[in-house]
Amino acid sequence: MAEKLFSQADRSKIIDAIKAAEQKTSGEIQVHIENHCKDVLDRAAEVFETLKMHQTEHRNAVLFYLAVADHKFAILGDAGINSVVPDDFWENIKKNMTIHFKASNYTDGLCMGIEMAGKQLQHHFPFDQKGDINELPDEISFG
């Protein structure tokens, strides 16, 4: 179900949103989608570690985690980004994404969330043209 929820065009749109956001920041954004999880935050933290997102140079990676069959999702930021964004930042993104998700516009919701996270990453971790490398893949991962 998780892999079938997004068409190839939807996947391309999400990946394009990740790439567009990352062109303006040293931050890293990843999307992971699976069917089920027991506790969404625990599972998102496991995926964050499995994808080695905590190993970025500035600790500024952001994970968008979706458990589609369970209708659960979480956004996790690493220590670097969490130390500079407002306390309610991730919750505000989730609220905006939920509006799209409730209308079954998962692609638009994800893209909007990625764009919002990217703007904060750009503000706090601007792109360094000299030494910035893409530390994590932009492809969507599935569990």
N, C-alpha and C. Protein backbone atom coordinates (compact mmCIF):
# COMPACT_ATOMS: atom_id res chain seq x y z
N MET A 1 0.81 -1.19 0.00
CA MET A 1 0.00 0.00 0.00
C MET A 1 0.86 1.27 0.00
N ALA A 2 1.92 1.29 0.83
CA ALA A 2 2.75 2.49 0.95
C ALA A 2 3.34 2.89 -0.40
N GLU A 3 3.88 1.93 -1.11
CA GLU A 3 4.52 2.25 -2.39
C GLU A 3 3.49 2.57 -3.48
N LYS A 4 2.28 2.05 -3.34
CA LYS A 4 1.24 2.28 -4.35
C LYS A 4 0.51 3.61 -4.15
N LEU A 5 0.66 4.20 -2.96
CA LEU A 5 -0.05 5.44 -2.67
C LEU A 5 0.42 6.59 -3.55
N PHE A 6 1.68 6.55 -3.95
CA PHE A 6 2.27 7.63 -4.74
C PHE A 6 2.62 7.13 -6.13
N SER A 7 2.07 7.79 -7.14
CA SER A 7 2.42 7.46 -8.53
C SER A 7 3.85 7.89 -8.80
N GLN A 8 4.38 7.51 -9.94
CA GLN A 8 5.73 7.93 -10.30
C GLN A 8 5.80 9.46 -10.41
N ALA A 9 4.74 10.06 -10.93
CA ALA A 9 4.69 11.52 -11.03
C ALA A 9 4.68 12.16 -9.63
N ASP A 10 3.93 11.55 -8.70
CA ASP A 10 3.90 12.05 -7.32
C ASP A 10 5.29 11.95 -6.69
N ARG A 11 5.94 10.82 -6.87
CA ARG A 11 7.28 10.63 -6.31
C ARG A 11 8.24 11.67 -6.86
N SER A 12 8.15 11.90 -8.16
CA SER A 12 9.04 12.90 -8.79
C SER A 12 8.79 14.28 -8.22
N LYS A 13 7.53 14.60 -7.98
CA LYS A 13 7.18 15.92 -7.42
C LYS A 13 7.76 16.07 -6.01
N ILE A 14 7.68 15.02 -5.21
CA ILE A 14 8.21 15.05 -3.84
C ILE A 14 9.74 15.17 -3.88
N ILE A 15 10.37 14.38 -4.72
CA ILE A 15 11.83 14.44 -4.83
C ILE A 15 12.28 15.81 -5.34
N ASP A 16 11.53 16.37 -6.28
CA ASP A 16 11.84 17.72 -6.77
C ASP A 16 11.72 18.75 -5.64
N ALA A 17 10.74 18.59 -4.76
CA ALA A 17 10.57 19.49 -3.62
C ALA A 17 11.77 19.38 -2.67
N ILE A 18 12.24 18.15 -2.45
CA ILE A 18 13.41 17.94 -1.60
C ILE A 18 14.63 18.62 -2.23
N LYS A 19 14.84 18.38 -3.51
CA LYS A 19 16.00 18.97 -4.19
C LYS A 19 15.93 20.49 -4.19
N ALA A 20 14.75 21.06 -4.42
CA ALA A 20 14.60 22.52 -4.43
C ALA A 20 14.92 23.10 -3.06
N ALA A 21 14.43 22.45 -2.01
CA ALA A 21 14.71 22.93 -0.65
C ALA A 21 16.20 22.82 -0.33
N GLU A 22 16.83 21.73 -0.72
CA GLU A 22 18.22 21.50 -0.39
C GLU A 22 19.19 22.36 -1.21
N GLN A 23 18.73 22.94 -2.31
CA GLN A 23 19.59 23.82 -3.10
C GLN A 23 19.91 25.11 -2.37
N LYS A 24 19.14 25.42 -1.33
CA LYS A 24 19.29 26.69 -0.63
C LYS A 24 19.83 26.51 0.79
N THR A 25 20.21 25.29 1.15
CA THR A 25 20.62 25.02 2.53
C THR A 25 21.64 23.89 2.57
N SER A 26 22.39 23.86 3.66
CA SER A 26 23.25 22.70 3.91
C SER A 26 22.46 21.60 4.61
N GLY A 27 21.21 21.88 4.96
CA GLY A 27 20.35 20.89 5.62
C GLY A 27 19.98 19.75 4.68
N GLU A 28 19.51 18.68 5.26
CA GLU A 28 19.13 17.48 4.51
C GLU A 28 17.70 17.10 4.87
N ILE A 29 16.93 16.70 3.86
CA ILE A 29 15.54 16.29 4.06
C ILE A 29 15.35 14.91 3.46
N GLN A 30 14.69 14.05 4.21
CA GLN A 30 14.35 12.73 3.69
C GLN A 30 12.89 12.42 4.00
N VAL A 31 12.31 11.57 3.14
CA VAL A 31 10.93 11.10 3.31
C VAL A 31 10.97 9.58 3.38
N HIS A 32 10.33 9.03 4.40
CA HIS A 32 10.24 7.57 4.54
C HIS A 32 8.77 7.21 4.73
N ILE A 33 8.32 6.23 3.95
CA ILE A 33 6.91 5.84 3.96
C ILE A 33 6.80 4.34 4.16
N GLU A 34 5.93 3.95 5.07
CA GLU A 34 5.61 2.53 5.25
C GLU A 34 4.14 2.41 5.63
N ASN A 35 3.69 1.19 5.79
CA ASN A 35 2.27 0.97 6.05
C ASN A 35 1.88 1.16 7.51
N HIS A 36 2.61 0.51 8.42
CA HIS A 36 2.19 0.45 9.82
C HIS A 36 3.32 0.82 10.77
N CYS A 37 2.90 1.30 11.93
CA CYS A 37 3.82 1.49 13.05
C CYS A 37 3.00 1.44 14.33
N LYS A 38 3.63 1.05 15.43
CA LYS A 38 2.92 1.07 16.71
C LYS A 38 2.92 2.49 17.26
N ASP A 39 4.09 3.00 17.56
CA ASP A 39 4.22 4.37 18.06
C ASP A 39 4.95 5.19 17.00
N VAL A 40 4.30 6.21 16.48
CA VAL A 40 4.82 6.94 15.33
C VAL A 40 6.15 7.64 15.66
N LEU A 41 6.28 8.22 16.83
CA LEU A 41 7.53 8.92 17.15
C LEU A 41 8.68 7.94 17.38
N ASP A 42 8.39 6.82 18.05
CA ASP A 42 9.44 5.81 18.25
C ASP A 42 9.92 5.26 16.91
N ARG A 43 8.97 4.95 16.04
CA ARG A 43 9.33 4.38 14.74
C ARG A 43 10.09 5.41 13.90
N ALA A 44 9.65 6.66 13.92
CA ALA A 44 10.34 7.70 13.17
C ALA A 44 11.78 7.85 13.68
N ALA A 45 11.97 7.77 14.99
CA ALA A 45 13.32 7.86 15.56
C ALA A 45 14.18 6.68 15.10
N GLU A 46 13.60 5.48 15.03
CA GLU A 46 14.32 4.31 14.53
C GLU A 46 14.75 4.52 13.09
N VAL A 47 13.83 4.99 12.27
CA VAL A 47 14.11 5.22 10.85
C VAL A 47 15.19 6.30 10.71
N PHE A 48 15.10 7.35 11.51
CA PHE A 48 16.07 8.43 11.49
C PHE A 48 17.48 7.87 11.69
N GLU A 49 17.60 6.98 12.68
CA GLU A 49 18.89 6.37 12.97
C GLU A 49 19.31 5.39 11.87
N THR A 50 18.38 4.58 11.40
CA THR A 50 18.69 3.61 10.35
C THR A 50 19.19 4.29 9.08
N LEU A 51 18.59 5.44 8.75
CA LEU A 51 18.99 6.18 7.56
C LEU A 51 20.24 7.04 7.80
N LYS A 52 20.80 6.93 9.01
CA LYS A 52 22.01 7.65 9.40
C LYS A 52 21.86 9.18 9.29
N MET A 53 20.66 9.64 9.56
CA MET A 53 20.38 11.07 9.44
C MET A 53 21.06 11.88 10.54
N HIS A 54 21.40 11.23 11.64
CA HIS A 54 22.07 11.90 12.75
C HIS A 54 23.56 12.13 12.48
N GLN A 55 24.03 11.68 11.34
CA GLN A 55 25.45 11.78 11.03
C GLN A 55 25.79 12.93 10.08
N THR A 56 24.85 13.84 9.84
CA THR A 56 25.17 14.98 8.99
C THR A 56 26.09 15.93 9.76
N GLU A 57 26.89 16.67 9.02
CA GLU A 57 27.91 17.52 9.63
C GLU A 57 27.33 18.52 10.64
N HIS A 58 26.23 19.15 10.29
CA HIS A 58 25.66 20.19 11.14
C HIS A 58 24.46 19.71 11.96
N ARG A 59 24.20 18.39 11.92
CA ARG A 59 23.07 17.80 12.64
C ARG A 59 21.78 18.53 12.28
N ASN A 60 21.59 18.75 10.97
CA ASN A 60 20.45 19.54 10.50
C ASN A 60 19.59 18.78 9.49
N ALA A 61 19.43 17.50 9.74
CA ALA A 61 18.57 16.68 8.88
C ALA A 61 17.14 16.68 9.41
N VAL A 62 16.20 16.53 8.47
CA VAL A 62 14.77 16.49 8.81
C VAL A 62 14.15 15.27 8.14
N LEU A 63 13.41 14.49 8.90
CA LEU A 63 12.72 13.31 8.39
C LEU A 63 11.22 13.54 8.40
N PHE A 64 10.60 13.29 7.26
CA PHE A 64 9.14 13.22 7.16
C PHE A 64 8.80 11.74 7.11
N TYR A 65 8.16 11.23 8.16
CA TYR A 65 7.83 9.81 8.28
C TYR A 65 6.32 9.64 8.20
N LEU A 66 5.88 8.72 7.31
CA LEU A 66 4.45 8.43 7.17
C LEU A 66 4.20 6.94 7.33
N ALA A 67 3.20 6.59 8.15
CA ALA A 67 2.67 5.23 8.23
C ALA A 67 1.26 5.32 7.64
N VAL A 68 1.15 5.04 6.35
CA VAL A 68 -0.06 5.39 5.61
C VAL A 68 -1.29 4.58 6.01
N ALA A 69 -1.16 3.29 6.24
CA ALA A 69 -2.33 2.48 6.60
C ALA A 69 -2.86 2.86 7.98
N ASP A 70 -1.97 3.32 8.85
CA ASP A 70 -2.36 3.72 10.20
C ASP A 70 -2.75 5.20 10.30
N HIS A 71 -2.60 5.93 9.19
CA HIS A 71 -2.92 7.36 9.17
C HIS A 71 -2.15 8.13 10.24
N LYS A 72 -0.84 7.86 10.32
CA LYS A 72 0.03 8.53 11.28
C LYS A 72 1.22 9.11 10.54
N PHE A 73 1.71 10.24 11.03
CA PHE A 73 2.95 10.77 10.48
C PHE A 73 3.66 11.62 11.52
N ALA A 74 4.96 11.76 11.33
CA ALA A 74 5.79 12.54 12.24
C ALA A 74 6.84 13.28 11.43
N ILE A 75 7.29 14.38 11.99
CA ILE A 75 8.40 15.12 11.42
C ILE A 75 9.45 15.20 12.51
N LEU A 76 10.65 14.72 12.21
CA LEU A 76 11.74 14.76 13.18
C LEU A 76 12.88 15.59 12.64
N GLY A 77 13.33 16.52 13.45
CA GLY A 77 14.52 17.29 13.11
C GLY A 77 15.65 16.88 14.04
N ASP A 78 16.87 16.95 13.54
CA ASP A 78 18.03 16.60 14.35
C ASP A 78 18.36 17.75 15.31
N ALA A 79 19.33 17.54 16.17
CA ALA A 79 19.66 18.49 17.24
C ALA A 79 20.00 19.88 16.72
N GLY A 80 20.70 19.96 15.59
CA GLY A 80 21.10 21.27 15.07
C GLY A 80 19.93 22.13 14.68
N ILE A 81 18.98 21.58 13.96
CA ILE A 81 17.81 22.36 13.54
C ILE A 81 16.85 22.56 14.72
N ASN A 82 16.71 21.55 15.57
CA ASN A 82 15.81 21.70 16.72
C ASN A 82 16.26 22.79 17.67
N SER A 83 17.55 23.06 17.73
CA SER A 83 18.06 24.07 18.66
C SER A 83 17.78 25.49 18.20
N VAL A 84 17.36 25.67 16.94
CA VAL A 84 17.17 27.03 16.42
C VAL A 84 15.75 27.36 15.96
N VAL A 85 14.90 26.37 15.81
CA VAL A 85 13.52 26.66 15.39
C VAL A 85 12.64 26.83 16.63
N PRO A 86 11.52 27.56 16.49
CA PRO A 86 10.60 27.72 17.62
C PRO A 86 10.07 26.37 18.09
N ASP A 87 9.67 26.30 19.35
CA ASP A 87 9.20 25.05 19.94
C ASP A 87 8.03 24.43 19.18
N ASP A 88 7.16 25.26 18.62
CA ASP A 88 5.97 24.75 17.94
C ASP A 88 6.17 24.61 16.42
N PHE A 89 7.39 24.73 15.97
CA PHE A 89 7.66 24.74 14.53
C PHE A 89 7.17 23.46 13.83
N TRP A 90 7.57 22.31 14.32
CA TRP A 90 7.19 21.05 13.65
C TRP A 90 5.69 20.83 13.75
N GLU A 91 5.09 21.22 14.87
CA GLU A 91 3.64 21.06 15.04
C GLU A 91 2.88 21.93 14.04
N ASN A 92 3.38 23.12 13.77
CA ASN A 92 2.74 24.00 12.78
C ASN A 92 2.82 23.40 11.38
N ILE A 93 3.95 22.82 11.05
CA ILE A 93 4.05 22.15 9.74
C ILE A 93 3.06 20.99 9.68
N LYS A 94 3.00 20.19 10.75
CA LYS A 94 2.07 19.06 10.78
C LYS A 94 0.62 19.51 10.58
N LYS A 95 0.24 20.61 11.23
CA LYS A 95 -1.13 21.12 11.09
C LYS A 95 -1.42 21.48 9.63
N ASN A 96 -0.48 22.14 8.98
CA ASN A 96 -0.67 22.51 7.58
C ASN A 96 -0.72 21.28 6.68
N MET A 97 0.11 20.30 6.96
CA MET A 97 0.12 19.07 6.16
C MET A 97 -1.18 18.30 6.36
N THR A 98 -1.69 18.28 7.58
CA THR A 98 -2.91 17.53 7.90
C THR A 98 -4.09 18.01 7.06
N ILE A 99 -4.16 19.30 6.81
CA ILE A 99 -5.25 19.83 5.97
C ILE A 99 -5.23 19.14 4.61
N HIS A 100 -4.06 19.01 4.01
CA HIS A 100 -3.94 18.33 2.71
C HIS A 100 -4.20 16.83 2.85
N PHE A 101 -3.66 16.21 3.89
CA PHE A 101 -3.82 14.77 4.07
C PHE A 101 -5.29 14.39 4.23
N LYS A 102 -6.06 15.20 4.97
CA LYS A 102 -7.48 14.90 5.17
C LYS A 102 -8.26 14.94 3.86
N ALA A 103 -7.74 15.68 2.89
CA ALA A 103 -8.37 15.75 1.57
C ALA A 103 -7.71 14.75 0.61
N SER A 104 -6.92 13.82 1.15
CA SER A 104 -6.19 12.80 0.37
C SER A 104 -5.19 13.41 -0.62
N ASN A 105 -4.72 14.60 -0.33
CA ASN A 105 -3.68 15.24 -1.14
C ASN A 105 -2.32 15.04 -0.47
N TYR A 106 -1.88 13.79 -0.44
CA TYR A 106 -0.65 13.45 0.29
C TYR A 106 0.59 14.09 -0.34
N THR A 107 0.64 14.10 -1.65
CA THR A 107 1.79 14.67 -2.34
C THR A 107 1.90 16.16 -2.06
N ASP A 108 0.79 16.87 -2.20
CA ASP A 108 0.80 18.32 -1.94
C ASP A 108 1.14 18.61 -0.47
N GLY A 109 0.61 17.81 0.42
CA GLY A 109 0.91 18.00 1.84
C GLY A 109 2.38 17.82 2.14
N LEU A 110 2.95 16.75 1.60
CA LEU A 110 4.38 16.51 1.80
C LEU A 110 5.22 17.64 1.19
N CYS A 111 4.90 18.02 -0.02
CA CYS A 111 5.67 19.07 -0.70
C CYS A 111 5.60 20.38 0.08
N MET A 112 4.43 20.72 0.60
CA MET A 112 4.30 21.94 1.38
C MET A 112 5.12 21.86 2.67
N GLY A 113 5.07 20.71 3.35
CA GLY A 113 5.86 20.53 4.56
C GLY A 113 7.35 20.61 4.29
N ILE A 114 7.78 20.00 3.20
CA ILE A 114 9.19 20.05 2.80
C ILE A 114 9.61 21.49 2.53
N GLU A 115 8.75 22.23 1.84
CA GLU A 115 9.06 23.63 1.54
C GLU A 115 9.17 24.46 2.82
N MET A 116 8.25 24.24 3.76
CA MET A 116 8.28 24.99 5.03
C MET A 116 9.55 24.66 5.82
N ALA A 117 9.90 23.39 5.89
CA ALA A 117 11.12 22.99 6.60
C ALA A 117 12.34 23.56 5.89
N GLY A 118 12.31 23.52 4.56
CA GLY A 118 13.44 24.03 3.78
C GLY A 118 13.70 25.51 4.02
N LYS A 119 12.63 26.29 4.19
CA LYS A 119 12.80 27.73 4.44
C LYS A 119 13.52 27.98 5.76
N GLN A 120 13.16 27.20 6.79
CA GLN A 120 13.85 27.35 8.07
C GLN A 120 15.29 26.86 7.98
N LEU A 121 15.50 25.76 7.28
CA LEU A 121 16.86 25.28 7.10
C LEU A 121 17.70 26.32 6.36
N GLN A 122 17.12 26.93 5.33
CA GLN A 122 17.83 27.96 4.56
C GLN A 122 18.19 29.14 5.46
N HIS A 123 17.25 29.53 6.31
CA HIS A 123 17.48 30.67 7.19
C HIS A 123 18.62 30.39 8.18
N HIS A 124 18.61 29.22 8.78
CA HIS A 124 19.57 28.90 9.84
C HIS A 124 20.84 28.20 9.33
N PHE A 125 20.73 27.51 8.20
CA PHE A 125 21.86 26.76 7.64
C PHE A 125 21.95 27.04 6.14
N PRO A 126 22.36 28.26 5.76
CA PRO A 126 22.40 28.60 4.34
C PRO A 126 23.35 27.70 3.56
N PHE A 127 23.08 27.60 2.28
CA PHE A 127 23.89 26.78 1.39
C PHE A 127 25.30 27.35 1.30
N ASP A 128 26.29 26.49 1.44
CA ASP A 128 27.69 26.88 1.31
C ASP A 128 28.20 26.38 -0.04
N GLN A 129 28.33 27.29 -0.98
CA GLN A 129 28.69 26.89 -2.35
C GLN A 129 30.05 26.21 -2.42
N LYS A 130 30.95 26.52 -1.52
CA LYS A 130 32.30 25.97 -1.59
C LYS A 130 32.35 24.50 -1.18
N GLY A 131 31.78 24.20 -0.01
CA GLY A 131 31.99 22.87 0.52
C GLY A 131 30.77 22.02 0.74
N ASP A 132 29.60 22.50 0.32
CA ASP A 132 28.39 21.74 0.62
C ASP A 132 28.25 20.54 -0.31
N ILE A 133 28.00 19.40 0.29
CA ILE A 133 27.72 18.19 -0.48
C ILE A 133 26.37 17.64 -0.02
N ASN A 134 25.74 16.88 -0.90
CA ASN A 134 24.48 16.24 -0.56
C ASN A 134 24.82 15.01 0.30
N GLU A 135 24.61 15.12 1.61
CA GLU A 135 25.04 14.06 2.52
C GLU A 135 24.11 12.86 2.56
N LEU A 136 22.85 13.06 2.16
CA LEU A 136 21.87 11.98 2.22
C LEU A 136 21.11 11.91 0.90
N PRO A 137 20.67 10.72 0.50
CA PRO A 137 19.94 10.62 -0.77
C PRO A 137 18.61 11.36 -0.74
N ASP A 138 18.20 11.85 -1.89
CA ASP A 138 16.93 12.59 -2.00
C ASP A 138 15.76 11.66 -2.31
N GLU A 139 16.03 10.42 -2.62
CA GLU A 139 14.97 9.48 -2.98
C GLU A 139 14.09 9.16 -1.77
N ILE A 140 12.83 8.85 -2.03
CA ILE A 140 11.91 8.42 -1.00
C ILE A 140 12.28 6.99 -0.61
N SER A 141 12.33 6.70 0.69
CA SER A 141 12.57 5.33 1.11
C SER A 141 11.26 4.73 1.60
N PHE A 142 11.14 3.42 1.40
CA PHE A 142 9.92 2.71 1.81
C PHE A 142 10.29 1.58 2.76
N GLY A 143 9.43 1.37 3.76
CA GLY A 143 9.70 0.32 4.74
C GLY A 143 8.79 -0.85 4.53
